[in-house]
Amino acid sequence: MILAGNSHPNRHLHAAGWDMVLAFAAAGMHYNLFALEHPGWEMVPDWLWPALMLVFLFSALWSYGKHRRRQPRR
């Protein structure tokens, strides 16, 4: 079990970074920057990639906000 006092101080910042990576990947899928040739990708609805991009962007903002709130003011 990991206690809250022993957790990594930048874990929310790392989560925000990964959310940004996933948001850019979803944007790349929406704007056809990645050439995926498998016919199964045609079954994915057109609204999914922009929706995922927004979810990941809002999650990154929320995680960054949590990181800022946890940092002591100097």
PDB file of N, CA and C in Angstrom:
ATOM      1  N   MET A   1       0.831  -1.178   0.000  1.00  0.00           N
ATOM      2  CA  MET A   1       0.000   0.000   0.000  1.00  0.00           C
ATOM      3  C   MET A   1       0.878   1.244   0.000  1.00  0.00           C
ATOM      4  N   ILE A   2       0.557   2.189  -0.860  1.00  0.00           N
ATOM      5  CA  ILE A   2       1.326   3.425  -0.947  1.00  0.00           C
ATOM      6  C   ILE A   2       0.601   4.501  -0.159  1.00  0.00           C
ATOM      7  N   LEU A   3       1.301   5.112   0.763  1.00  0.00           N
ATOM      8  CA  LEU A   3       0.709   6.180   1.557  1.00  0.00           C
ATOM      9  C   LEU A   3       0.802   7.498   0.816  1.00  0.00           C
ATOM     10  N   ALA A   4      -0.104   8.397   1.084  1.00  0.00           N
ATOM     11  CA  ALA A   4      -0.145   9.679   0.380  1.00  0.00           C
ATOM     12  C   ALA A   4       1.119  10.496   0.642  1.00  0.00           C
ATOM     13  N   GLY A   5       1.696  10.387   1.812  1.00  0.00           N
ATOM     14  CA  GLY A   5       2.904  11.151   2.129  1.00  0.00           C
ATOM     15  C   GLY A   5       4.132  10.636   1.404  1.00  0.00           C
ATOM     16  N   ASN A   6       4.116   9.389   0.976  1.00  0.00           N
ATOM     17  CA  ASN A   6       5.277   8.793   0.314  1.00  0.00           C
ATOM     18  C   ASN A   6       5.163   8.793  -1.200  1.00  0.00           C
ATOM     19  N   SER A   7       4.110   9.356  -1.759  1.00  0.00           N
ATOM     20  CA  SER A   7       3.929   9.320  -3.205  1.00  0.00           C
ATOM     21  C   SER A   7       4.822  10.365  -3.873  1.00  0.00           C
ATOM     22  N   HIS A   8       5.059  10.166  -5.127  1.00  0.00           N
ATOM     23  CA  HIS A   8       5.951  11.056  -5.874  1.00  0.00           C
ATOM     24  C   HIS A   8       5.341  12.449  -5.970  1.00  0.00           C
ATOM     25  N   PRO A   9       6.124  13.499  -5.707  1.00  0.00           N
ATOM     26  CA  PRO A   9       5.550  14.848  -5.689  1.00  0.00           C
ATOM     27  C   PRO A   9       5.109  15.352  -7.063  1.00  0.00           C
ATOM     28  N   ASN A  10       5.627  14.797  -8.124  1.00  0.00           N
ATOM     29  CA  ASN A  10       5.274  15.265  -9.470  1.00  0.00           C
ATOM     30  C   ASN A  10       4.348  14.306 -10.208  1.00  0.00           C
ATOM     31  N   ARG A  11       3.629  13.455  -9.478  1.00  0.00           N
ATOM     32  CA  ARG A  11       2.802  12.459 -10.158  1.00  0.00           C
ATOM     33  C   ARG A  11       1.682  13.106 -10.970  1.00  0.00           C
ATOM     34  N   HIS A  12       1.141  14.215 -10.509  1.00  0.00           N
ATOM     35  CA  HIS A  12       0.087  14.885 -11.270  1.00  0.00           C
ATOM     36  C   HIS A  12       0.656  15.562 -12.509  1.00  0.00           C
ATOM     37  N   LEU A  13       1.873  16.045 -12.412  1.00  0.00           N
ATOM     38  CA  LEU A  13       2.529  16.641 -13.574  1.00  0.00           C
ATOM     39  C   LEU A  13       2.823  15.578 -14.627  1.00  0.00           C
ATOM     40  N   HIS A  14       3.241  14.395 -14.191  1.00  0.00           N
ATOM     41  CA  HIS A  14       3.486  13.297 -15.127  1.00  0.00           C
ATOM     42  C   HIS A  14       2.186  12.850 -15.789  1.00  0.00           C
ATOM     43  N   ALA A  15       1.119  12.783 -15.017  1.00  0.00           N
ATOM     44  CA  ALA A  15      -0.184  12.406 -15.579  1.00  0.00           C
ATOM     45  C   ALA A  15      -0.637  13.437 -16.610  1.00  0.00           C
ATOM     46  N   ALA A  16      -0.406  14.721 -16.332  1.00  0.00           N
ATOM     47  CA  ALA A  16      -0.767  15.774 -17.287  1.00  0.00           C
ATOM     48  C   ALA A  16       0.028  15.627 -18.573  1.00  0.00           C
ATOM     49  N   GLY A  17       1.292  15.282 -18.461  1.00  0.00           N
ATOM     50  CA  GLY A  17       2.123  15.081 -19.658  1.00  0.00           C
ATOM     51  C   GLY A  17       1.624  13.927 -20.503  1.00  0.00           C
ATOM     52  N   TRP A  18       1.284  12.815 -19.856  1.00  0.00           N
ATOM     53  CA  TRP A  18       0.772  11.667 -20.609  1.00  0.00           C
ATOM     54  C   TRP A  18      -0.586  11.972 -21.227  1.00  0.00           C
ATOM     55  N   ASP A  19      -1.401  12.750 -20.529  1.00  0.00           N
ATOM     56  CA  ASP A  19      -2.690  13.146 -21.110  1.00  0.00           C
ATOM     57  C   ASP A  19      -2.490  14.003 -22.354  1.00  0.00           C
ATOM     58  N   MET A  20      -1.487  14.860 -22.340  1.00  0.00           N
ATOM     59  CA  MET A  20      -1.198  15.687 -23.517  1.00  0.00           C
ATOM     60  C   MET A  20      -0.728  14.810 -24.687  1.00  0.00           C
ATOM     61  N   VAL A  21       0.094  13.817 -24.394  1.00  0.00           N
ATOM     62  CA  VAL A  21       0.547  12.895 -25.448  1.00  0.00           C
ATOM     63  C   VAL A  21      -0.652  12.179 -26.066  1.00  0.00           C
ATOM     64  N   LEU A  22      -1.568  11.708 -25.229  1.00  0.00           N
ATOM     65  CA  LEU A  22      -2.742  11.007 -25.742  1.00  0.00           C
ATOM     66  C   LEU A  22      -3.684  11.952 -26.490  1.00  0.00           C
ATOM     67  N   ALA A  23      -3.777  13.204 -26.046  1.00  0.00           N
ATOM     68  CA  ALA A  23      -4.608  14.183 -26.760  1.00  0.00           C
ATOM     69  C   ALA A  23      -4.030  14.469 -28.140  1.00  0.00           C
ATOM     70  N   PHE A  24      -2.713  14.603 -28.240  1.00  0.00           N
ATOM     71  CA  PHE A  24      -2.089  14.824 -29.547  1.00  0.00           C
ATOM     72  C   PHE A  24      -2.235  13.607 -30.447  1.00  0.00           C
ATOM     73  N   ALA A  25      -2.194  12.409 -29.864  1.00  0.00           N
ATOM     74  CA  ALA A  25      -2.410  11.191 -30.654  1.00  0.00           C
ATOM     75  C   ALA A  25      -3.836  11.140 -31.187  1.00  0.00           C
ATOM     76  N   ALA A  26      -4.806  11.511 -30.358  1.00  0.00           N
ATOM     77  CA  ALA A  26      -6.203  11.531 -30.817  1.00  0.00           C
ATOM     78  C   ALA A  26      -6.399  12.584 -31.901  1.00  0.00           C
ATOM     79  N   ALA A  27      -5.731  13.738 -31.759  1.00  0.00           N
ATOM     80  CA  ALA A  27      -5.823  14.771 -32.794  1.00  0.00           C
ATOM     81  C   ALA A  27      -5.195  14.276 -34.090  1.00  0.00           C
ATOM     82  N   GLY A  28      -4.084  13.562 -33.989  1.00  0.00           N
ATOM     83  CA  GLY A  28      -3.456  13.003 -35.182  1.00  0.00           C
ATOM     84  C   GLY A  28      -4.329  11.989 -35.883  1.00  0.00           C
ATOM     85  N   MET A  29      -5.066  11.210 -35.114  1.00  0.00           N
ATOM     86  CA  MET A  29      -5.995  10.256 -35.720  1.00  0.00           C
ATOM     87  C   MET A  29      -7.145  10.989 -36.394  1.00  0.00           C
ATOM     88  N   HIS A  30      -7.619  12.058 -35.778  1.00  0.00           N
ATOM     89  CA  HIS A  30      -8.743  12.812 -36.353  1.00  0.00           C
ATOM     90  C   HIS A  30      -8.343  13.494 -37.657  1.00  0.00           C
ATOM     91  N   TYR A  31      -7.136  14.052 -37.703  1.00  0.00           N
ATOM     92  CA  TYR A  31      -6.685  14.777 -38.891  1.00  0.00           C
ATOM     93  C   TYR A  31      -5.897  13.909 -39.859  1.00  0.00           C
ATOM     94  N   ASN A  32      -5.966  12.590 -39.697  1.00  0.00           N
ATOM     95  CA  ASN A  32      -5.334  11.608 -40.591  1.00  0.00           C
ATOM     96  C   ASN A  32      -3.827  11.814 -40.737  1.00  0.00           C
ATOM     97  N   LEU A  33      -3.163  12.130 -39.641  1.00  0.00           N
ATOM     98  CA  LEU A  33      -1.708  12.256 -39.669  1.00  0.00           C
ATOM     99  C   LEU A  33      -1.026  10.897 -39.594  1.00  0.00           C
ATOM    100  N   PHE A  34      -1.759   9.901 -39.117  1.00  0.00           N
ATOM    101  CA  PHE A  34      -1.237   8.542 -39.024  1.00  0.00           C
ATOM    102  C   PHE A  34      -1.931   7.688 -40.066  1.00  0.00           C
ATOM    103  N   ALA A  35      -1.148   7.003 -40.870  1.00  0.00           N
ATOM    104  CA  ALA A  35      -1.719   6.156 -41.916  1.00  0.00           C
ATOM    105  C   ALA A  35      -1.887   4.737 -41.370  1.00  0.00           C
ATOM    106  N   LEU A  36      -3.084   4.426 -40.926  1.00  0.00           N
ATOM    107  CA  LEU A  36      -3.391   3.089 -40.437  1.00  0.00           C
ATOM    108  C   LEU A  36      -4.218   2.380 -41.495  1.00  0.00           C
ATOM    109  N   GLU A  37      -3.688   1.293 -42.006  1.00  0.00           N
ATOM    110  CA  GLU A  37      -4.283   0.620 -43.154  1.00  0.00           C
ATOM    111  C   GLU A  37      -5.282  -0.477 -42.795  1.00  0.00           C
ATOM    112  N   HIS A  38      -5.431  -0.779 -41.534  1.00  0.00           N
ATOM    113  CA  HIS A  38      -6.327  -1.865 -41.151  1.00  0.00           C
ATOM    114  C   HIS A  38      -7.778  -1.454 -41.415  1.00  0.00           C
ATOM    115  N   PRO A  39      -8.586  -2.331 -42.034  1.00  0.00           N
ATOM    116  CA  PRO A  39      -9.978  -1.954 -42.339  1.00  0.00           C
ATOM    117  C   PRO A  39     -10.845  -1.765 -41.092  1.00  0.00           C
ATOM    118  N   GLY A  40     -10.409  -2.239 -39.955  1.00  0.00           N
ATOM    119  CA  GLY A  40     -11.185  -2.073 -38.732  1.00  0.00           C
ATOM    120  C   GLY A  40     -11.268  -0.628 -38.268  1.00  0.00           C
ATOM    121  N   TRP A  41     -10.313   0.212 -38.684  1.00  0.00           N
ATOM    122  CA  TRP A  41     -10.332   1.620 -38.274  1.00  0.00           C
ATOM    123  C   TRP A  41     -11.488   2.369 -38.912  1.00  0.00           C
ATOM    124  N   GLU A  42     -12.026   1.845 -40.004  1.00  0.00           N
ATOM    125  CA  GLU A  42     -13.164   2.504 -40.652  1.00  0.00           C
ATOM    126  C   GLU A  42     -14.444   2.364 -39.825  1.00  0.00           C
ATOM    127  N   MET A  43     -14.471   1.422 -38.894  1.00  0.00           N
ATOM    128  CA  MET A  43     -15.650   1.226 -38.057  1.00  0.00           C
ATOM    129  C   MET A  43     -15.722   2.239 -36.914  1.00  0.00           C
ATOM    130  N   VAL A  44     -14.633   2.942 -36.651  1.00  0.00           N
ATOM    131  CA  VAL A  44     -14.608   3.934 -35.570  1.00  0.00           C
ATOM    132  C   VAL A  44     -15.402   5.160 -36.019  1.00  0.00           C
ATOM    133  N   PRO A  45     -16.362   5.631 -35.217  1.00  0.00           N
ATOM    134  CA  PRO A  45     -17.154   6.798 -35.627  1.00  0.00           C
ATOM    135  C   PRO A  45     -16.298   8.061 -35.696  1.00  0.00           C
ATOM    136  N   ASP A  46     -16.713   8.992 -36.543  1.00  0.00           N
ATOM    137  CA  ASP A  46     -15.939  10.221 -36.761  1.00  0.00           C
ATOM    138  C   ASP A  46     -15.885  11.115 -35.524  1.00  0.00           C
ATOM    139  N   TRP A  47     -16.871  11.047 -34.658  1.00  0.00           N
ATOM    140  CA  TRP A  47     -16.918  11.918 -33.491  1.00  0.00           C
ATOM    141  C   TRP A  47     -16.013  11.446 -32.355  1.00  0.00           C
ATOM    142  N   LEU A  48     -15.496  10.210 -32.430  1.00  0.00           N
ATOM    143  CA  LEU A  48     -14.748   9.651 -31.310  1.00  0.00           C
ATOM    144  C   LEU A  48     -13.421  10.364 -31.068  1.00  0.00           C
ATOM    145  N   TRP A  49     -12.658  10.633 -32.119  1.00  0.00           N
ATOM    146  CA  TRP A  49     -11.322  11.217 -31.934  1.00  0.00           C
ATOM    147  C   TRP A  49     -11.370  12.634 -31.363  1.00  0.00           C
ATOM    148  N   PRO A  50     -12.248  13.528 -31.865  1.00  0.00           N
ATOM    149  CA  PRO A  50     -12.312  14.851 -31.212  1.00  0.00           C
ATOM    150  C   PRO A  50     -12.807  14.766 -29.767  1.00  0.00           C
ATOM    151  N   ALA A  51     -13.719  13.830 -29.492  1.00  0.00           N
ATOM    152  CA  ALA A  51     -14.210  13.680 -28.124  1.00  0.00           C
ATOM    153  C   ALA A  51     -13.088  13.201 -27.202  1.00  0.00           C
ATOM    154  N   LEU A  52     -12.307  12.227 -27.666  1.00  0.00           N
ATOM    155  CA  LEU A  52     -11.178  11.759 -26.860  1.00  0.00           C
ATOM    156  C   LEU A  52     -10.146  12.856 -26.664  1.00  0.00           C
ATOM    157  N   MET A  53      -9.914  13.651 -27.698  1.00  0.00           N
ATOM    158  CA  MET A  53      -8.959  14.747 -27.589  1.00  0.00           C
ATOM    159  C   MET A  53      -9.401  15.726 -26.490  1.00  0.00           C
ATOM    160  N   LEU A  54     -10.682  16.076 -26.457  1.00  0.00           N
ATOM    161  CA  LEU A  54     -11.179  16.990 -25.432  1.00  0.00           C
ATOM    162  C   LEU A  54     -11.106  16.377 -24.037  1.00  0.00           C
ATOM    163  N   VAL A  55     -11.437  15.104 -23.940  1.00  0.00           N
ATOM    164  CA  VAL A  55     -11.356  14.432 -22.634  1.00  0.00           C
ATOM    165  C   VAL A  55      -9.930  14.458 -22.106  1.00  0.00           C
ATOM    166  N   PHE A  56      -8.968  14.138 -22.956  1.00  0.00           N
ATOM    167  CA  PHE A  56      -7.574  14.131 -22.517  1.00  0.00           C
ATOM    168  C   PHE A  56      -7.060  15.533 -22.225  1.00  0.00           C
ATOM    169  N   LEU A  57      -7.486  16.531 -22.983  1.00  0.00           N
ATOM    170  CA  LEU A  57      -7.061  17.905 -22.699  1.00  0.00           C
ATOM    171  C   LEU A  57      -7.612  18.387 -21.359  1.00  0.00           C
ATOM    172  N   PHE A  58      -8.894  18.126 -21.094  1.00  0.00           N
ATOM    173  CA  PHE A  58      -9.459  18.519 -19.809  1.00  0.00           C
ATOM    174  C   PHE A  58      -8.816  17.751 -18.658  1.00  0.00           C
ATOM    175  N   SER A  59      -8.491  16.503 -18.882  1.00  0.00           N
ATOM    176  CA  SER A  59      -7.822  15.719 -17.857  1.00  0.00           C
ATOM    177  C   SER A  59      -6.420  16.269 -17.582  1.00  0.00           C
ATOM    178  N   ALA A  60      -5.730  16.699 -18.631  1.00  0.00           N
ATOM    179  CA  ALA A  60      -4.401  17.294 -18.448  1.00  0.00           C
ATOM    180  C   ALA A  60      -4.497  18.593 -17.660  1.00  0.00           C
ATOM    181  N   LEU A  61      -5.493  19.417 -17.972  1.00  0.00           N
ATOM    182  CA  LEU A  61      -5.675  20.661 -17.213  1.00  0.00           C
ATOM    183  C   LEU A  61      -5.991  20.374 -15.749  1.00  0.00           C
ATOM    184  N   TRP A  62      -6.834  19.398 -15.501  1.00  0.00           N
ATOM    185  CA  TRP A  62      -7.191  19.050 -14.133  1.00  0.00           C
ATOM    186  C   TRP A  62      -5.965  18.531 -13.370  1.00  0.00           C
ATOM    187  N   SER A  63      -5.170  17.665 -14.020  1.00  0.00           N
ATOM    188  CA  SER A  63      -3.977  17.126 -13.368  1.00  0.00           C
ATOM    189  C   SER A  63      -2.955  18.221 -13.102  1.00  0.00           C
ATOM    190  N   TYR A  64      -2.794  19.131 -14.047  1.00  0.00           N
ATOM    191  CA  TYR A  64      -1.850  20.229 -13.837  1.00  0.00           C
ATOM    192  C   TYR A  64      -2.332  21.133 -12.698  1.00  0.00           C
ATOM    193  N   GLY A  65      -3.636  21.353 -12.615  1.00  0.00           N
ATOM    194  CA  GLY A  65      -4.185  22.129 -11.508  1.00  0.00           C
ATOM    195  C   GLY A  65      -3.930  21.465 -10.167  1.00  0.00           C
ATOM    196  N   LYS A  66      -4.073  20.152 -10.116  1.00  0.00           N
ATOM    197  CA  LYS A  66      -3.775  19.428  -8.875  1.00  0.00           C
ATOM    198  C   LYS A  66      -2.300  19.537  -8.534  1.00  0.00           C
ATOM    199  N   HIS A  67      -1.433  19.502  -9.543  1.00  0.00           N
ATOM    200  CA  HIS A  67       0.000  19.651  -9.306  1.00  0.00           C
ATOM    201  C   HIS A  67       0.304  21.027  -8.724  1.00  0.00           C
ATOM    202  N   ARG A  68      -0.317  22.074  -9.291  1.00  0.00           N
ATOM    203  CA  ARG A  68      -0.085  23.431  -8.806  1.00  0.00           C
ATOM    204  C   ARG A  68      -0.596  23.619  -7.376  1.00  0.00           C
ATOM    205  N   ARG A  69      -1.720  22.994  -7.034  1.00  0.00           N
ATOM    206  CA  ARG A  69      -2.271  23.128  -5.694  1.00  0.00           C
ATOM    207  C   ARG A  69      -1.431  22.406  -4.651  1.00  0.00           C
ATOM    208  N   ARG A  70      -0.727  21.330  -5.072  1.00  0.00           N
ATOM    209  CA  ARG A  70       0.085  20.566  -4.121  1.00  0.00           C
ATOM    210  C   ARG A  70       1.442  21.185  -3.878  1.00  0.00           C
ATOM    211  N   GLN A  71       1.907  22.038  -4.773  1.00  0.00           N
ATOM    212  CA  GLN A  71       3.230  22.644  -4.635  1.00  0.00           C
ATOM    213  C   GLN A  71       3.182  23.750  -3.578  1.00  0.00           C
ATOM    214  N   PRO A  72       4.161  23.783  -2.691  1.00  0.00           N
ATOM    215  CA  PRO A  72       4.178  24.867  -1.695  1.00  0.00           C
ATOM    216  C   PRO A  72       4.506  26.197  -2.356  1.00  0.00           C
ATOM    217  N   ARG A  73       3.873  27.243  -1.887  1.00  0.00           N
ATOM    218  CA  ARG A  73       4.139  28.590  -2.414  1.00  0.00           C
ATOM    219  C   ARG A  73       5.448  29.103  -1.848  1.00  0.00           C
ATOM    220  N   ARG A  74       6.216  29.756  -2.700  1.00  0.00           N
ATOM    221  CA  ARG A  74       7.530  30.262  -2.244  1.00  0.00           C
ATOM    222  C   ARG A  74       7.534  31.749  -2.182  1.00  0.00           C
TER     223      ARG A  74
END
